[in-house]
Amino acid sequence: MQKYSMLNKIKKLLFVAMTVIAMTPTDSQAFNFFGDGYDEVVPKNGVVEISLNEVNDGDIHYYKYNDEDRDIRFFLLKSNDGVIRAAFDACDVCFRERKGYSRSGEFVVCNNCGMRFHSSRINVVKGGCNPAPLKRAFDGDIVRIRVVDIQQGARFF
């Protein structure tokens, strides 16, 4: 009986280990809990434009900009205080793991270390494991992000 119980424990442990290994991204692979989930943006005259209607639903929206064969990944979300916020899908601490962030209620959560950041603090607090802020501007119903500002995040990717 004890032999059978130990065998089941080993099987469960192996299953968990194999699942973790299978979910670990390669160096060139983005990771978030929504699959690839990154919409590629194409700038016009050095500016990326994203409709507010696209990001005004309270969910997190992932984007990538291809810069010299490197995808620079970022996200936009409407925080609970009604502000559209933008950040790179990386931080100063965990960026090497390439796991990015996901949203859980009012929080943005690091998929690597589990640190949680209130959505209203995105674009406000920087450094450490906080999502690295990305400059953005608003023009009517459009969020505008300059390519030079996106390129500032290249070091994370």
Protein backbone atom coordinates (compact mmCIF):
# COMPACT_ATOMS: atom_id res chain seq x y z
CA MET A 1 0.00 0.00 0.00
CA GLN A 2 2.80 2.42 0.92
CA LYS A 3 4.62 1.56 -2.35
CA TYR A 4 1.52 2.50 -4.38
CA SER A 5 1.12 5.82 -2.51
CA MET A 6 4.78 6.72 -3.11
CA LEU A 7 4.44 5.86 -6.82
CA ASN A 8 1.43 8.17 -7.13
CA LYS A 9 3.35 11.01 -5.45
CA ILE A 10 6.24 10.54 -7.88
CA LYS A 11 3.85 10.54 -10.85
CA LYS A 12 2.23 13.77 -9.64
CA LEU A 13 5.63 15.40 -9.12
CA LEU A 14 6.77 14.39 -12.61
CA PHE A 15 3.54 15.73 -14.12
CA VAL A 16 4.04 19.11 -12.40
CA ALA A 17 7.70 19.26 -13.48
CA MET A 18 6.84 18.42 -17.10
CA THR A 19 4.09 21.05 -17.13
CA VAL A 20 6.46 23.74 -15.84
CA ILE A 21 9.10 22.79 -18.42
CA ALA A 22 6.54 22.81 -21.23
CA MET A 23 5.35 26.29 -20.23
CA THR A 24 8.86 27.78 -19.99
CA PRO A 25 9.43 30.07 -22.98
CA THR A 26 12.47 29.97 -25.21
CA ASP A 27 14.54 33.13 -25.60
CA SER A 28 12.61 34.16 -28.70
CA GLN A 29 9.17 33.31 -27.42
CA ALA A 30 6.76 35.69 -25.72
CA PHE A 31 4.67 34.36 -22.88
CA ASN A 32 1.38 35.44 -21.48
CA PHE A 33 -1.61 33.50 -20.29
CA PHE A 34 -3.50 34.29 -23.49
CA GLY A 35 -1.24 32.42 -25.94
CA ASP A 36 0.78 34.65 -28.25
CA GLY A 37 -1.93 37.27 -27.97
CA TYR A 38 0.20 40.12 -29.33
CA ASP A 39 -1.24 42.22 -32.15
CA GLU A 40 1.50 43.59 -34.37
CA VAL A 41 1.41 47.35 -34.77
CA VAL A 42 2.56 49.18 -37.90
CA PRO A 43 3.52 52.82 -37.43
CA LYS A 44 2.71 55.68 -39.76
CA ASN A 45 5.15 58.59 -39.82
CA GLY A 46 6.92 57.26 -36.71
CA VAL A 47 3.76 56.91 -34.63
CA VAL A 48 1.64 53.93 -33.65
CA GLU A 49 -2.06 54.73 -33.35
CA ILE A 50 -4.49 52.55 -31.43
CA SER A 51 -8.19 53.31 -31.16
CA LEU A 52 -9.48 53.99 -27.66
CA ASN A 53 -12.46 51.77 -28.52
CA GLU A 54 -10.03 48.87 -28.85
CA VAL A 55 -8.63 49.25 -25.32
CA ASN A 56 -11.53 50.84 -23.44
CA ASP A 57 -13.07 47.58 -22.19
CA GLY A 58 -11.12 47.16 -18.94
CA ASP A 59 -9.11 44.22 -20.27
CA ILE A 60 -5.38 44.08 -20.97
CA HIS A 61 -4.39 44.34 -24.64
CA TYR A 62 -1.01 43.12 -25.90
CA TYR A 63 0.92 44.58 -28.84
CA LYS A 64 4.29 44.11 -30.45
CA TYR A 65 6.41 46.31 -32.65
CA ASN A 66 9.04 44.63 -34.80
CA ASP A 67 12.29 46.57 -34.65
CA GLU A 68 15.17 45.03 -36.63
CA ASP A 69 13.82 41.48 -36.19
CA ARG A 70 13.18 42.00 -32.48
CA ASP A 71 9.63 42.18 -31.16
CA ILE A 72 9.26 44.89 -28.55
CA ARG A 73 6.15 43.93 -26.58
CA PHE A 74 3.85 46.24 -24.65
CA PHE A 75 0.33 46.40 -23.32
CA LEU A 76 -2.46 48.91 -22.86
CA LEU A 77 -5.27 48.74 -20.36
CA LYS A 78 -7.95 50.91 -18.89
CA SER A 79 -7.41 51.05 -15.15
CA ASN A 80 -10.25 51.17 -12.64
CA ASP A 81 -9.88 54.97 -12.42
CA GLY A 82 -10.72 55.26 -16.13
CA VAL A 83 -7.22 56.07 -17.43
CA ILE A 84 -5.72 54.28 -20.43
CA ARG A 85 -2.27 53.12 -19.37
CA ALA A 86 0.66 51.71 -21.34
CA ALA A 87 3.70 49.72 -20.28
CA PHE A 88 6.25 47.37 -21.73
CA ASP A 89 5.42 43.72 -21.13
CA ALA A 90 8.61 43.52 -19.07
CA CYS A 91 10.34 45.00 -16.05
CA ASP A 92 13.85 45.73 -14.77
CA VAL A 93 13.92 42.54 -12.69
CA CYS A 94 12.17 39.67 -14.50
CA PHE A 95 12.56 40.66 -18.18
CA ARG A 96 15.10 37.89 -18.87
CA GLU A 97 12.39 35.29 -18.22
CA ARG A 98 10.24 36.79 -21.03
CA LYS A 99 7.00 36.00 -19.23
CA GLY A 100 5.43 39.46 -19.08
CA TYR A 101 2.26 40.34 -17.22
CA SER A 102 -1.37 39.32 -17.04
CA ARG A 103 -4.38 41.01 -15.50
CA SER A 104 -6.21 39.78 -12.45
CA GLY A 105 -9.11 42.02 -11.49
CA GLU A 106 -7.76 45.46 -10.62
CA PHE A 107 -4.17 44.20 -10.68
CA VAL A 108 -1.47 43.50 -13.23
CA VAL A 109 0.52 40.43 -12.17
CA CYS A 110 4.09 39.48 -13.12
CA ASN A 111 3.89 36.02 -14.69
CA ASN A 112 7.37 35.22 -13.40
CA CYS A 113 7.48 36.25 -9.74
CA GLY A 114 3.79 36.82 -9.00
CA MET A 115 4.18 40.43 -7.81
CA ARG A 116 0.92 42.35 -8.15
CA PHE A 117 0.57 45.98 -9.19
CA HIS A 118 -2.64 47.96 -8.94
CA SER A 119 -3.73 48.99 -12.43
CA SER A 120 -3.93 52.65 -11.39
CA ARG A 121 -0.17 52.62 -10.70
CA ILE A 122 0.82 51.50 -14.23
CA ASN A 123 2.66 54.37 -15.99
CA VAL A 124 3.13 56.02 -12.59
CA VAL A 125 5.54 53.80 -10.66
CA LYS A 126 8.68 52.50 -12.34
CA GLY A 127 11.66 50.36 -11.44
CA GLY A 128 11.95 47.00 -9.76
CA CYS A 129 9.31 44.55 -10.92
CA ASN A 130 6.81 47.27 -11.90
CA PRO A 131 5.85 47.13 -15.57
CA ALA A 132 8.23 49.55 -17.30
CA PRO A 133 6.21 52.65 -18.28
CA LEU A 134 5.67 53.48 -21.94
CA LYS A 135 4.96 57.09 -22.95
CA ARG A 136 1.67 57.62 -24.70
CA ALA A 137 -0.47 60.56 -25.73
CA PHE A 138 -4.11 60.99 -26.63
CA ASP A 139 -5.53 62.61 -29.71
CA GLY A 140 -9.32 62.49 -29.62
CA ASP A 141 -10.24 58.79 -29.65
CA ILE A 142 -6.71 57.62 -30.52
CA VAL A 143 -3.83 56.51 -28.28
CA ARG A 144 -0.59 57.62 -29.91
CA ILE A 145 2.78 56.06 -29.12
CA ARG A 146 5.92 57.28 -30.84
CA VAL A 147 8.19 54.60 -32.28
CA VAL A 148 11.21 56.21 -30.56
CA ASP A 149 9.43 55.67 -27.23
CA ILE A 150 8.71 52.02 -28.07
CA GLN A 151 12.36 51.56 -29.05
CA GLN A 152 13.36 52.69 -25.55
CA GLY A 153 12.11 49.28 -24.36
CA ALA A 154 14.30 47.25 -26.74
CA ARG A 155 16.72 46.36 -23.93
CA PHE A 156 14.01 44.20 -22.34
CA PHE A 157 13.59 42.02 -25.44
